[in-house]
Amino acid sequence: MDPFPIAKTSWLPGDTREVEQSRVRQEIGMEYDSYRRIYLADGHEWQIAGQIAREDGKKYYIFECIS
């Protein structure tokens, strides 16, 4: 299962994407490096830059590509 079902396939530092909270908690298609406090997905390192709540009641994290 693709944790980030979007069309964009190349990422640069500073790019952002939204991921549903349940996918983050279950680490679907991603790994969390607790020592460095970053997520690893799609061959890149990501950090949580923020969070939003949608009208459907779901919470989403905004991830920023850091490398």
PDB file of N, CA and C in Angstrom:
ATOM      1  N   MET A   1       0.841  -1.179   0.000  1.00  0.00           N
ATOM      2  CA  MET A   1       0.000   0.000   0.000  1.00  0.00           C
ATOM      3  C   MET A   1       0.883   1.237   0.000  1.00  0.00           C
ATOM      4  N   ASP A   2       0.582   2.141  -0.878  1.00  0.00           N
ATOM      5  CA  ASP A   2       1.343   3.384  -0.993  1.00  0.00           C
ATOM      6  C   ASP A   2       0.897   4.359   0.092  1.00  0.00           C
ATOM      7  N   PRO A   3       1.813   4.783   0.982  1.00  0.00           N
ATOM      8  CA  PRO A   3       1.404   5.688   2.053  1.00  0.00           C
ATOM      9  C   PRO A   3       1.067   7.090   1.565  1.00  0.00           C
ATOM     10  N   PHE A   4       1.569   7.432   0.390  1.00  0.00           N
ATOM     11  CA  PHE A   4       1.347   8.761  -0.154  1.00  0.00           C
ATOM     12  C   PHE A   4       0.777   8.638  -1.564  1.00  0.00           C
ATOM     13  N   PRO A   5      -0.516   8.364  -1.700  1.00  0.00           N
ATOM     14  CA  PRO A   5      -1.091   8.142  -3.027  1.00  0.00           C
ATOM     15  C   PRO A   5      -1.254   9.446  -3.811  1.00  0.00           C
ATOM     16  N   ILE A   6      -0.172   9.924  -4.384  1.00  0.00           N
ATOM     17  CA  ILE A   6      -0.199  11.153  -5.154  1.00  0.00           C
ATOM     18  C   ILE A   6       0.621  10.968  -6.412  1.00  0.00           C
ATOM     19  N   ALA A   7       0.459  11.861  -7.365  1.00  0.00           N
ATOM     20  CA  ALA A   7       1.102  11.714  -8.662  1.00  0.00           C
ATOM     21  C   ALA A   7       2.575  12.111  -8.657  1.00  0.00           C
ATOM     22  N   LYS A   8       2.967  12.975  -7.759  1.00  0.00           N
ATOM     23  CA  LYS A   8       4.347  13.461  -7.744  1.00  0.00           C
ATOM     24  C   LYS A   8       5.287  12.338  -7.315  1.00  0.00           C
ATOM     25  N   THR A   9       6.378  12.163  -8.063  1.00  0.00           N
ATOM     26  CA  THR A   9       7.308  11.076  -7.757  1.00  0.00           C
ATOM     27  C   THR A   9       8.714  11.554  -7.430  1.00  0.00           C
ATOM     28  N   SER A  10       9.011  12.813  -7.650  1.00  0.00           N
ATOM     29  CA  SER A  10      10.339  13.324  -7.300  1.00  0.00           C
ATOM     30  C   SER A  10      10.170  14.438  -6.274  1.00  0.00           C
ATOM     31  N   TRP A  11      11.036  14.414  -5.279  1.00  0.00           N
ATOM     32  CA  TRP A  11      10.914  15.341  -4.157  1.00  0.00           C
ATOM     33  C   TRP A  11      12.223  16.074  -3.929  1.00  0.00           C
ATOM     34  N   LEU A  12      12.105  17.321  -3.532  1.00  0.00           N
ATOM     35  CA  LEU A  12      13.261  18.148  -3.206  1.00  0.00           C
ATOM     36  C   LEU A  12      13.106  18.653  -1.778  1.00  0.00           C
ATOM     37  N   PRO A  13      14.211  18.949  -1.108  1.00  0.00           N
ATOM     38  CA  PRO A  13      14.096  19.528   0.236  1.00  0.00           C
ATOM     39  C   PRO A  13      13.192  20.761   0.216  1.00  0.00           C
ATOM     40  N   GLY A  14      12.287  20.806   1.176  1.00  0.00           N
ATOM     41  CA  GLY A  14      11.333  21.907   1.257  1.00  0.00           C
ATOM     42  C   GLY A  14       9.958  21.563   0.712  1.00  0.00           C
ATOM     43  N   ASP A  15       9.855  20.511  -0.110  1.00  0.00           N
ATOM     44  CA  ASP A  15       8.554  20.073  -0.612  1.00  0.00           C
ATOM     45  C   ASP A  15       7.720  19.529   0.540  1.00  0.00           C
ATOM     46  N   THR A  16       6.398  19.690   0.460  1.00  0.00           N
ATOM     47  CA  THR A  16       5.516  19.207   1.523  1.00  0.00           C
ATOM     48  C   THR A  16       4.438  18.299   0.953  1.00  0.00           C
ATOM     49  N   ARG A  17       3.855  17.488   1.845  1.00  0.00           N
ATOM     50  CA  ARG A  17       2.729  16.619   1.503  1.00  0.00           C
ATOM     51  C   ARG A  17       1.941  16.334   2.765  1.00  0.00           C
ATOM     52  N   GLU A  18       0.668  15.988   2.577  1.00  0.00           N
ATOM     53  CA  GLU A  18      -0.209  15.678   3.702  1.00  0.00           C
ATOM     54  C   GLU A  18      -0.399  14.169   3.795  1.00  0.00           C
ATOM     55  N   VAL A  19      -0.375  13.653   5.024  1.00  0.00           N
ATOM     56  CA  VAL A  19      -0.558  12.220   5.261  1.00  0.00           C
ATOM     57  C   VAL A  19      -1.536  12.051   6.421  1.00  0.00           C
ATOM     58  N   GLU A  20      -2.507  11.163   6.234  1.00  0.00           N
ATOM     59  CA  GLU A  20      -3.501  10.921   7.276  1.00  0.00           C
ATOM     60  C   GLU A  20      -2.844  10.361   8.537  1.00  0.00           C
ATOM     61  N   GLN A  21      -3.291  10.825   9.684  1.00  0.00           N
ATOM     62  CA  GLN A  21      -2.712  10.449  10.971  1.00  0.00           C
ATOM     63  C   GLN A  21      -2.676   8.934  11.169  1.00  0.00           C
ATOM     64  N   SER A  22      -3.724   8.228  10.781  1.00  0.00           N
ATOM     65  CA  SER A  22      -3.761   6.777  10.999  1.00  0.00           C
ATOM     66  C   SER A  22      -2.648   6.072  10.238  1.00  0.00           C
ATOM     67  N   ARG A  23      -2.300   6.556   9.055  1.00  0.00           N
ATOM     68  CA  ARG A  23      -1.206   5.956   8.282  1.00  0.00           C
ATOM     69  C   ARG A  23       0.138   6.204   8.952  1.00  0.00           C
ATOM     70  N   VAL A  24       0.283   7.370   9.551  1.00  0.00           N
ATOM     71  CA  VAL A  24       1.534   7.696  10.239  1.00  0.00           C
ATOM     72  C   VAL A  24       1.684   6.818  11.474  1.00  0.00           C
ATOM     73  N   ARG A  25       0.625   6.704  12.255  1.00  0.00           N
ATOM     74  CA  ARG A  25       0.685   5.907  13.489  1.00  0.00           C
ATOM     75  C   ARG A  25       0.969   4.439  13.213  1.00  0.00           C
ATOM     76  N   GLN A  26       0.425   3.918  12.123  1.00  0.00           N
ATOM     77  CA  GLN A  26       0.642   2.513  11.779  1.00  0.00           C
ATOM     78  C   GLN A  26       1.933   2.308  10.996  1.00  0.00           C
ATOM     79  N   GLU A  27       2.599   3.398  10.655  1.00  0.00           N
ATOM     80  CA  GLU A  27       3.834   3.369   9.863  1.00  0.00           C
ATOM     81  C   GLU A  27       3.645   2.583   8.572  1.00  0.00           C
ATOM     82  N   ILE A  28       2.557   2.854   7.866  1.00  0.00           N
ATOM     83  CA  ILE A  28       2.279   2.190   6.598  1.00  0.00           C
ATOM     84  C   ILE A  28       3.201   2.772   5.531  1.00  0.00           C
ATOM     85  N   GLY A  29       4.134   1.956   5.029  1.00  0.00           N
ATOM     86  CA  GLY A  29       5.045   2.384   3.976  1.00  0.00           C
ATOM     87  C   GLY A  29       6.105   3.376   4.414  1.00  0.00           C
ATOM     88  N   MET A  30       6.296   3.520   5.702  1.00  0.00           N
ATOM     89  CA  MET A  30       7.297   4.461   6.195  1.00  0.00           C
ATOM     90  C   MET A  30       7.913   3.903   7.466  1.00  0.00           C
ATOM     91  N   GLU A  31       9.044   4.434   7.820  1.00  0.00           N
ATOM     92  CA  GLU A  31       9.718   4.050   9.061  1.00  0.00           C
ATOM     93  C   GLU A  31      10.018   5.314   9.849  1.00  0.00           C
ATOM     94  N   TYR A  32      10.046   5.177  11.171  1.00  0.00           N
ATOM     95  CA  TYR A  32      10.374   6.308  12.032  1.00  0.00           C
ATOM     96  C   TYR A  32      11.725   6.063  12.677  1.00  0.00           C
ATOM     97  N   ASP A  33      12.633   7.015  12.524  1.00  0.00           N
ATOM     98  CA  ASP A  33      13.944   6.960  13.159  1.00  0.00           C
ATOM     99  C   ASP A  33      13.848   7.788  14.438  1.00  0.00           C
ATOM    100  N   SER A  34      13.659   7.113  15.568  1.00  0.00           N
ATOM    101  CA  SER A  34      13.436   7.822  16.828  1.00  0.00           C
ATOM    102  C   SER A  34      14.686   8.550  17.320  1.00  0.00           C
ATOM    103  N   TYR A  35      15.852   8.098  16.914  1.00  0.00           N
ATOM    104  CA  TYR A  35      17.084   8.766  17.338  1.00  0.00           C
ATOM    105  C   TYR A  35      17.192  10.149  16.683  1.00  0.00           C
ATOM    106  N   ARG A  36      16.932  10.193  15.373  1.00  0.00           N
ATOM    107  CA  ARG A  36      17.019  11.464  14.642  1.00  0.00           C
ATOM    108  C   ARG A  36      15.674  12.186  14.544  1.00  0.00           C
ATOM    109  N   ARG A  37      14.599  11.517  14.971  1.00  0.00           N
ATOM    110  CA  ARG A  37      13.238  12.058  14.937  1.00  0.00           C
ATOM    111  C   ARG A  37      12.803  12.468  13.541  1.00  0.00           C
ATOM    112  N   ILE A  38      13.008  11.561  12.590  1.00  0.00           N
ATOM    113  CA  ILE A  38      12.572  11.782  11.215  1.00  0.00           C
ATOM    114  C   ILE A  38      11.862  10.536  10.706  1.00  0.00           C
ATOM    115  N   TYR A  39      11.083  10.717   9.655  1.00  0.00           N
ATOM    116  CA  TYR A  39      10.420   9.607   8.984  1.00  0.00           C
ATOM    117  C   TYR A  39      11.147   9.336   7.675  1.00  0.00           C
ATOM    118  N   LEU A  40      11.213   8.073   7.305  1.00  0.00           N
ATOM    119  CA  LEU A  40      11.833   7.659   6.055  1.00  0.00           C
ATOM    120  C   LEU A  40      10.739   7.090   5.159  1.00  0.00           C
ATOM    121  N   ALA A  41      10.570   7.687   3.979  1.00  0.00           N
ATOM    122  CA  ALA A  41       9.560   7.230   3.027  1.00  0.00           C
ATOM    123  C   ALA A  41       9.967   7.652   1.625  1.00  0.00           C
ATOM    124  N   ASP A  42       9.678   6.813   0.660  1.00  0.00           N
ATOM    125  CA  ASP A  42       9.966   7.100  -0.747  1.00  0.00           C
ATOM    126  C   ASP A  42      11.426   7.463  -0.995  1.00  0.00           C
ATOM    127  N   GLY A  43      12.333   6.917  -0.197  1.00  0.00           N
ATOM    128  CA  GLY A  43      13.751   7.179  -0.385  1.00  0.00           C
ATOM    129  C   GLY A  43      14.202   8.545   0.105  1.00  0.00           C
ATOM    130  N   HIS A  44      13.365   9.222   0.877  1.00  0.00           N
ATOM    131  CA  HIS A  44      13.696  10.551   1.394  1.00  0.00           C
ATOM    132  C   HIS A  44      13.454  10.611   2.892  1.00  0.00           C
ATOM    133  N   GLU A  45      13.994  11.644   3.507  1.00  0.00           N
ATOM    134  CA  GLU A  45      13.778  11.888   4.932  1.00  0.00           C
ATOM    135  C   GLU A  45      12.749  13.002   5.070  1.00  0.00           C
ATOM    136  N   TRP A  46      11.819  12.816   6.022  1.00  0.00           N
ATOM    137  CA  TRP A  46      10.717  13.749   6.216  1.00  0.00           C
ATOM    138  C   TRP A  46      10.588  14.106   7.686  1.00  0.00           C
ATOM    139  N   GLN A  47      10.159  15.329   7.949  1.00  0.00           N
ATOM    140  CA  GLN A  47       9.843  15.720   9.317  1.00  0.00           C
ATOM    141  C   GLN A  47       8.441  16.325   9.323  1.00  0.00           C
ATOM    142  N   ILE A  48       7.784  16.240  10.466  1.00  0.00           N
ATOM    143  CA  ILE A  48       6.447  16.810  10.583  1.00  0.00           C
ATOM    144  C   ILE A  48       6.577  18.322  10.718  1.00  0.00           C
ATOM    145  N   ALA A  49       5.936  19.030   9.788  1.00  0.00           N
ATOM    146  CA  ALA A  49       6.005  20.488   9.775  1.00  0.00           C
ATOM    147  C   ALA A  49       4.741  21.120  10.350  1.00  0.00           C
ATOM    148  N   GLY A  50       3.686  20.326  10.499  1.00  0.00           N
ATOM    149  CA  GLY A  50       2.436  20.859  11.024  1.00  0.00           C
ATOM    150  C   GLY A  50       1.349  19.808  10.959  1.00  0.00           C
ATOM    151  N   GLN A  51       0.141  20.205  11.327  1.00  0.00           N
ATOM    152  CA  GLN A  51      -0.995  19.295  11.263  1.00  0.00           C
ATOM    153  C   GLN A  51      -2.266  20.091  11.018  1.00  0.00           C
ATOM    154  N   ILE A  52      -3.237  19.417  10.389  1.00  0.00           N
ATOM    155  CA  ILE A  52      -4.518  20.054  10.112  1.00  0.00           C
ATOM    156  C   ILE A  52      -5.634  19.054  10.386  1.00  0.00           C
ATOM    157  N   ALA A  53      -6.815  19.567  10.644  1.00  0.00           N
ATOM    158  CA  ALA A  53      -8.006  18.733  10.801  1.00  0.00           C
ATOM    159  C   ALA A  53      -8.956  19.082   9.660  1.00  0.00           C
ATOM    160  N   ARG A  54      -9.439  18.062   8.980  1.00  0.00           N
ATOM    161  CA  ARG A  54     -10.344  18.269   7.853  1.00  0.00           C
ATOM    162  C   ARG A  54     -11.798  18.228   8.314  1.00  0.00           C
ATOM    163  N   GLU A  55     -12.697  18.630   7.431  1.00  0.00           N
ATOM    164  CA  GLU A  55     -14.127  18.620   7.730  1.00  0.00           C
ATOM    165  C   GLU A  55     -14.651  17.220   8.002  1.00  0.00           C
ATOM    166  N   ASP A  56     -13.989  16.209   7.434  1.00  0.00           N
ATOM    167  CA  ASP A  56     -14.440  14.824   7.635  1.00  0.00           C
ATOM    168  C   ASP A  56     -14.045  14.284   9.011  1.00  0.00           C
ATOM    169  N   GLY A  57     -13.391  15.109   9.822  1.00  0.00           N
ATOM    170  CA  GLY A  57     -13.007  14.711  11.170  1.00  0.00           C
ATOM    171  C   GLY A  57     -11.657  14.031  11.262  1.00  0.00           C
ATOM    172  N   LYS A  58     -10.997  13.833  10.126  1.00  0.00           N
ATOM    173  CA  LYS A  58      -9.692  13.176  10.130  1.00  0.00           C
ATOM    174  C   LYS A  58      -8.588  14.209  10.314  1.00  0.00           C
ATOM    175  N   LYS A  59      -7.532  13.766  10.959  1.00  0.00           N
ATOM    176  CA  LYS A  59      -6.372  14.620  11.204  1.00  0.00           C
ATOM    177  C   LYS A  59      -5.277  14.239  10.207  1.00  0.00           C
ATOM    178  N   TYR A  60      -4.609  15.234   9.662  1.00  0.00           N
ATOM    179  CA  TYR A  60      -3.535  15.015   8.704  1.00  0.00           C
ATOM    180  C   TYR A  60      -2.273  15.717   9.186  1.00  0.00           C
ATOM    181  N   TYR A  61      -1.142  15.064   8.963  1.00  0.00           N
ATOM    182  CA  TYR A  61       0.144  15.684   9.247  1.00  0.00           C
ATOM    183  C   TYR A  61       0.702  16.252   7.956  1.00  0.00           C
ATOM    184  N   ILE A  62       1.353  17.377   8.057  1.00  0.00           N
ATOM    185  CA  ILE A  62       2.054  17.966   6.923  1.00  0.00           C
ATOM    186  C   ILE A  62       3.522  17.603   7.086  1.00  0.00           C
ATOM    187  N   PHE A  63       4.035  16.846   6.125  1.00  0.00           N
ATOM    188  CA  PHE A  63       5.431  16.427   6.145  1.00  0.00           C
ATOM    189  C   PHE A  63       6.238  17.298   5.201  1.00  0.00           C
ATOM    190  N   GLU A  64       7.444  17.640   5.624  1.00  0.00           N
ATOM    191  CA  GLU A  64       8.368  18.414   4.803  1.00  0.00           C
ATOM    192  C   GLU A  64       9.583  17.552   4.490  1.00  0.00           C
ATOM    193  N   CYS A  65       9.948  17.514   3.205  1.00  0.00           N
ATOM    194  CA  CYS A  65      11.126  16.758   2.780  1.00  0.00           C
ATOM    195  C   CYS A  65      12.372  17.506   3.245  1.00  0.00           C
ATOM    196  N   ILE A  66      13.262  16.773   3.927  1.00  0.00           N
ATOM    197  CA  ILE A  66      14.490  17.420   4.395  1.00  0.00           C
ATOM    198  C   ILE A  66      15.728  16.888   3.681  1.00  0.00           C
ATOM    199  N   SER A  67      15.577  15.798   2.922  1.00  0.00           N
ATOM    200  CA  SER A  67      16.693  15.326   2.078  1.00  0.00           C
ATOM    201  C   SER A  67      16.214  14.288   1.103  1.00  0.00           C
TER     202      SER A  67
END
